[in-house]
């Protein structure tokens, strides 16, 4: 049904663009780079930046383990250095492929990233599977944030949503924000140095604008419960919505989608158009 969407290209590709924007800004902030969204894969295809990041995760994870041994005992702490060549690496060369392969091996063996989120060397070098490469990088960033690394904004929003859900379970008050974090818990950089957003309208206005694209007499119900929370359709399904720069994002299961693509898959009107 999603392939028959009234906006098949824009809505189905927008969530990848949103993720690439977020990851590019994150890489640029961490390492003072100038990675552009339009050339995101090309900027990383030699594997050099990926392997450097892997070793940086190792360093920060080991530091975290030394400072918080009891917490780290219940976590998977990566340790194996990723060997790579950094000078004069030609994209598509054997050396570039070897760098990427070493990064992939680290993701699998040290981080234990599940296969559904992994990519293969050709997915990046030959740009065969952009989606899985992006999802894998987000998962790497998610794991790094647990040790205190700066996280992309999507991961920061995940942490915020997860905290809201814990508060709801603890206090039984839907939509009521409670401060449940341990005051003695370490102030991780991912929370202490958030990446600034650039949204020009408030969230509810943006949601209404996207819903307004449908001209049906009876529109697909999306009811605001509280700030950033909406009930979907005729069910009691609750979704979390956030603004990421120019994109309205929906937290779906363990991942993200854009609101437009989400509606294209769930609104009966849009699905059948």
Protein backbone atom coordinates (compact mmCIF):
# COMPACT_ATOMS: atom_id res chain seq x y z
CA UNK A 1 0.00 0.00 0.00
CA UNK A 2 2.83 2.37 0.84
CA UNK A 3 4.17 2.01 -2.72
CA UNK A 4 0.90 3.47 -4.01
CA UNK A 5 1.21 6.54 -1.80
CA UNK A 6 0.12 9.90 -3.20
CA UNK A 7 3.68 11.06 -2.37
CA UNK A 8 5.65 7.84 -2.98
CA UNK A 9 9.13 9.30 -3.39
CA UNK A 10 9.10 12.24 -1.02
CA UNK A 11 7.51 10.53 1.97
CA UNK A 12 9.31 7.19 1.65
CA UNK A 13 12.74 8.80 1.27
CA UNK A 14 12.33 11.72 3.66
CA UNK A 15 13.00 9.69 6.81
CA UNK A 16 16.38 8.62 5.41
CA UNK A 17 17.20 12.22 4.55
CA UNK A 18 16.27 13.26 8.09
CA UNK A 19 18.53 10.57 9.57
CA UNK A 20 21.43 11.48 7.27
CA UNK A 21 21.09 15.17 8.21
CA UNK A 22 21.22 14.22 11.87
CA UNK A 23 24.18 11.87 11.49
CA UNK A 24 26.12 14.33 9.33
CA UNK A 25 25.72 17.10 11.89
CA UNK A 26 26.69 14.67 14.64
CA UNK A 27 29.88 13.55 12.86
CA UNK A 28 30.76 17.16 12.06
CA UNK A 29 30.29 18.19 15.69
CA UNK A 30 32.32 15.29 17.07
CA UNK A 31 35.27 15.49 14.70
CA UNK A 32 35.19 19.00 13.20
CA UNK A 33 34.40 17.64 9.73
CA UNK A 34 32.36 19.08 6.87
CA UNK A 35 30.21 16.13 5.79
CA UNK A 36 27.27 17.18 3.62
CA UNK A 37 23.96 15.32 3.39
CA UNK A 38 24.10 15.05 -0.40
CA UNK A 39 27.49 13.31 -0.26
CA UNK A 40 27.01 11.52 3.06
CA UNK A 41 27.94 8.03 1.84
CA UNK A 42 30.81 9.32 -0.29
CA UNK A 43 32.30 11.06 2.75
CA UNK A 44 32.42 7.80 4.69
CA UNK A 45 33.03 5.18 1.98
CA UNK A 46 36.80 4.87 2.62
CA UNK A 47 35.97 3.68 6.16
CA UNK A 48 38.55 6.01 7.75
CA UNK A 49 36.09 8.17 9.71
CA UNK A 50 34.12 5.05 10.71
CA UNK A 51 37.17 3.27 12.13
CA UNK A 52 38.35 6.39 13.95
CA UNK A 53 34.93 6.67 15.52
CA UNK A 54 34.98 3.00 16.55
CA UNK A 55 38.28 3.50 18.36
CA UNK A 56 36.91 6.64 19.99
CA UNK A 57 33.92 4.65 21.26
CA UNK A 58 36.38 2.08 22.66
CA UNK A 59 38.31 4.78 24.49
CA UNK A 60 35.24 6.42 26.00
CA UNK A 61 33.71 3.04 26.90
CA UNK A 62 36.85 1.94 28.77
CA UNK A 63 36.95 5.28 30.58
CA UNK A 64 33.30 4.77 31.54
CA UNK A 65 34.13 1.26 32.77
CA UNK A 66 36.87 2.61 35.03
CA UNK A 67 34.63 5.36 36.46
CA UNK A 68 31.46 3.25 36.81
CA UNK A 69 32.54 -0.42 37.11
CA UNK A 70 29.27 -1.58 38.69
CA UNK A 71 27.17 -0.11 35.87
CA UNK A 72 29.58 -1.29 33.15
CA UNK A 73 29.41 -4.84 34.54
CA UNK A 74 25.89 -5.05 33.09
CA UNK A 75 26.85 -3.54 29.73
CA UNK A 76 28.66 -4.75 26.64
CA UNK A 77 31.91 -2.77 26.67
CA UNK A 78 33.80 -2.70 23.33
CA UNK A 79 37.57 -3.03 23.65
CA UNK A 80 39.19 -4.35 20.48
CA UNK A 81 41.05 -1.70 18.52
CA UNK A 82 39.99 -1.34 14.89
CA UNK A 83 43.06 -1.46 12.65
CA UNK A 84 42.74 0.67 9.51
CA UNK A 85 44.73 2.65 6.98
CA UNK A 86 44.04 6.38 6.94
CA UNK A 87 46.43 7.88 4.36
CA UNK A 88 45.82 8.02 0.62
CA UNK A 89 42.86 5.67 0.69
CA UNK A 90 41.08 5.58 -2.67
CA UNK A 91 37.30 5.08 -2.56
CA UNK A 92 36.34 1.63 -3.80
CA UNK A 93 39.89 0.29 -3.41
CA UNK A 94 40.83 -2.89 -1.58
CA UNK A 95 42.13 -0.78 1.33
CA UNK A 96 38.85 1.13 1.57
CA UNK A 97 36.90 -2.13 1.54
CA UNK A 98 39.20 -3.55 4.20
CA UNK A 99 38.62 -0.48 6.42
CA UNK A 100 34.86 -0.79 6.06
CA UNK A 101 35.02 -4.54 6.67
CA UNK A 102 37.00 -3.99 9.88
CA UNK A 103 34.39 -1.49 11.09
CA UNK A 104 31.60 -3.96 10.32
CA UNK A 105 33.43 -6.70 12.23
CA UNK A 106 33.76 -4.36 15.25
CA UNK A 107 30.03 -3.55 15.10
CA UNK A 108 29.16 -7.24 15.10
CA UNK A 109 31.70 -8.61 17.56
CA UNK A 110 32.31 -5.74 19.98
CA UNK A 111 28.93 -4.01 20.00
CA UNK A 112 26.86 -7.09 19.20
CA UNK A 113 24.63 -5.20 16.77
CA UNK A 114 21.92 -7.50 15.44
CA UNK A 115 21.94 -8.48 11.76
CA UNK A 116 18.71 -6.64 10.96
CA UNK A 117 20.55 -3.36 11.64
CA UNK A 118 23.82 -4.31 9.98
CA UNK A 119 25.13 -3.50 6.51
CA UNK A 120 27.65 -5.19 4.22
CA UNK A 121 30.76 -3.67 2.63
CA UNK A 122 29.12 -3.25 -0.78
CA UNK A 123 26.12 -1.53 0.82
CA UNK A 124 28.41 1.42 1.49
CA UNK A 125 31.15 1.12 -1.15
CA UNK A 126 28.72 0.47 -4.02
CA UNK A 127 25.81 2.30 -2.30
CA UNK A 128 23.59 -0.78 -2.51
CA UNK A 129 21.76 -0.39 0.80
CA UNK A 130 21.76 3.15 2.14
CA UNK A 131 19.02 2.41 4.65
CA UNK A 132 20.87 -0.29 6.57
CA UNK A 133 24.08 1.73 6.62
CA UNK A 134 22.22 4.66 8.16
CA UNK A 135 20.38 2.43 10.66
CA UNK A 136 23.67 0.81 11.69
CA UNK A 137 25.32 4.18 12.30
CA UNK A 138 22.36 5.25 14.43
CA UNK A 139 22.69 2.06 16.47
CA UNK A 140 26.43 2.68 16.91
CA UNK A 141 25.60 6.20 18.12
CA UNK A 142 22.93 4.77 20.45
CA UNK A 143 25.45 2.39 22.03
CA UNK A 144 28.07 5.15 22.35
CA UNK A 145 25.61 7.44 24.11
CA UNK A 146 25.26 4.83 26.88
CA UNK A 147 28.92 5.46 27.73
CA UNK A 148 28.51 9.24 27.68
CA UNK A 149 29.33 10.16 24.06
CA UNK A 150 27.54 13.03 22.40
CA UNK A 151 24.49 11.57 20.65
CA UNK A 152 22.68 12.62 17.46
CA UNK A 153 19.47 14.53 18.12
CA UNK A 154 17.32 11.50 17.24
CA UNK A 155 19.01 9.52 20.01
CA UNK A 156 18.61 12.43 22.43
CA UNK A 157 14.90 12.51 21.61
CA UNK A 158 14.71 8.73 22.20
CA UNK A 159 16.23 9.20 25.64
CA UNK A 160 13.70 11.94 26.40
CA UNK A 161 10.78 9.76 25.28
CA UNK A 162 12.04 6.74 27.22
CA UNK A 163 12.33 8.89 30.33
CA UNK A 164 8.76 10.13 29.84
CA UNK A 165 7.56 6.53 29.54
CA UNK A 166 9.40 5.57 32.74
CA UNK A 167 7.81 8.54 34.49
CA UNK A 168 4.36 7.50 33.31
CA UNK A 169 4.86 3.97 34.63
CA UNK A 170 6.28 5.23 37.92
CA UNK A 171 3.67 7.90 38.61
CA UNK A 172 0.69 6.67 36.59
CA UNK A 173 0.04 10.14 35.21
CA UNK A 174 -0.14 10.23 31.40
CA UNK A 175 1.47 13.34 29.99
CA UNK A 176 2.80 14.54 33.34
CA UNK A 177 6.52 15.20 33.32
CA UNK A 178 8.28 14.03 36.47
CA UNK A 179 11.99 14.29 37.23
CA UNK A 180 12.92 10.71 38.12
CA UNK A 181 16.61 10.72 37.27
CA UNK A 182 18.99 9.97 40.10
CA UNK A 183 20.64 13.29 41.07
CA UNK A 184 23.91 11.39 41.61
CA UNK A 185 23.86 9.97 38.05
CA UNK A 186 26.67 11.19 35.79
CA UNK A 187 25.84 14.10 33.48
CA UNK A 188 26.51 12.50 30.10
CA UNK A 189 27.62 14.75 27.23
CA UNK A 190 24.67 13.50 25.18
CA UNK A 191 22.40 15.31 27.62
CA UNK A 192 24.71 18.13 28.64
CA UNK A 193 25.50 19.35 25.12
CA UNK A 194 22.38 18.94 22.99
CA UNK A 195 22.48 19.76 19.29
CA UNK A 196 20.25 22.77 18.64
CA UNK A 197 17.12 22.32 16.56
CA UNK A 198 15.92 24.80 13.95
CA UNK A 199 12.14 24.45 13.87
CA UNK A 200 10.15 27.53 12.90
CA UNK A 201 6.64 26.37 13.91
CA UNK A 202 5.41 24.62 16.99
CA UNK A 203 4.80 20.90 16.77
CA UNK A 204 0.99 20.98 16.81
CA UNK A 205 0.89 23.45 13.92
CA UNK A 206 3.18 21.23 11.85
CA UNK A 207 1.08 18.14 12.59
CA UNK A 208 -2.11 19.95 11.57
CA UNK A 209 -0.45 21.19 8.39
CA UNK A 210 0.52 17.65 7.36
CA UNK A 211 -2.95 16.29 8.21
CA UNK A 212 -4.45 19.14 6.19
CA UNK A 213 -2.92 17.71 3.00
CA UNK A 214 -5.80 15.23 3.01
CA UNK A 215 -9.05 16.71 1.60
CA UNK A 216 -11.36 13.83 2.60
CA UNK A 217 -14.59 14.78 4.42
CA UNK A 218 -13.62 12.38 7.21
CA UNK A 219 -9.91 12.73 7.93
CA UNK A 220 -7.72 10.10 9.56
CA UNK A 221 -7.93 10.80 13.33
CA UNK A 222 -4.76 12.02 15.01
CA UNK A 223 -5.73 13.44 18.39
CA UNK A 224 -3.35 15.39 20.59
CA UNK A 225 -3.14 13.90 24.09
CA UNK A 226 -0.41 16.16 25.41
CA UNK A 227 2.66 17.92 24.06
CA UNK A 228 4.38 15.52 21.66
CA UNK A 229 1.87 12.67 22.21
CA UNK A 230 -0.99 11.75 19.86
CA UNK A 231 -3.60 9.00 19.59
CA UNK A 232 -3.77 7.41 16.15
CA UNK A 233 -6.86 6.35 14.19
CA UNK A 234 -9.80 4.78 15.96
CA UNK A 235 -7.60 2.79 18.32
CA UNK A 236 -5.94 3.82 21.55
CA UNK A 237 -2.47 3.59 19.98
CA UNK A 238 -0.24 6.34 21.38
CA UNK A 239 2.61 7.75 19.32
CA UNK A 240 5.37 10.18 20.21
CA UNK A 241 6.02 12.99 17.73
CA UNK A 242 9.02 15.30 17.61
CA UNK A 243 10.40 17.99 15.30
CA UNK A 244 13.85 17.38 13.81
CA UNK A 245 14.85 20.50 11.88
CA UNK A 246 12.34 20.61 9.00
CA UNK A 247 11.02 17.09 9.60
CA UNK A 248 8.16 15.92 11.82
CA UNK A 249 9.33 12.56 13.18
CA UNK A 250 7.31 9.71 14.73
CA UNK A 251 8.80 7.24 17.20
CA UNK A 252 7.83 3.82 15.80
CA UNK A 253 8.81 0.75 17.79
CA UNK A 254 12.56 0.90 18.15
CA UNK A 255 13.06 3.35 15.29
CA UNK A 256 11.82 6.51 13.61
CA UNK A 257 9.68 7.50 10.63
CA UNK A 258 8.47 10.81 9.26
CA UNK A 259 4.86 11.66 10.01
CA UNK A 260 4.04 11.89 6.29
CA UNK A 261 5.42 8.42 5.56
CA UNK A 262 3.71 7.04 8.69
CA UNK A 263 0.36 8.43 7.48
CA UNK A 264 0.94 7.09 3.98
CA UNK A 265 1.22 3.61 5.52
CA UNK A 266 -1.65 3.87 8.04
CA UNK A 267 -4.22 6.33 6.72
CA UNK A 268 -6.67 4.20 4.63
CA UNK A 269 -7.30 7.14 2.30
CA UNK A 270 -3.61 7.68 1.51
CA UNK A 271 -2.91 3.96 1.25
CA UNK A 272 -5.61 3.45 -1.40
CA UNK A 273 -4.80 6.58 -3.42
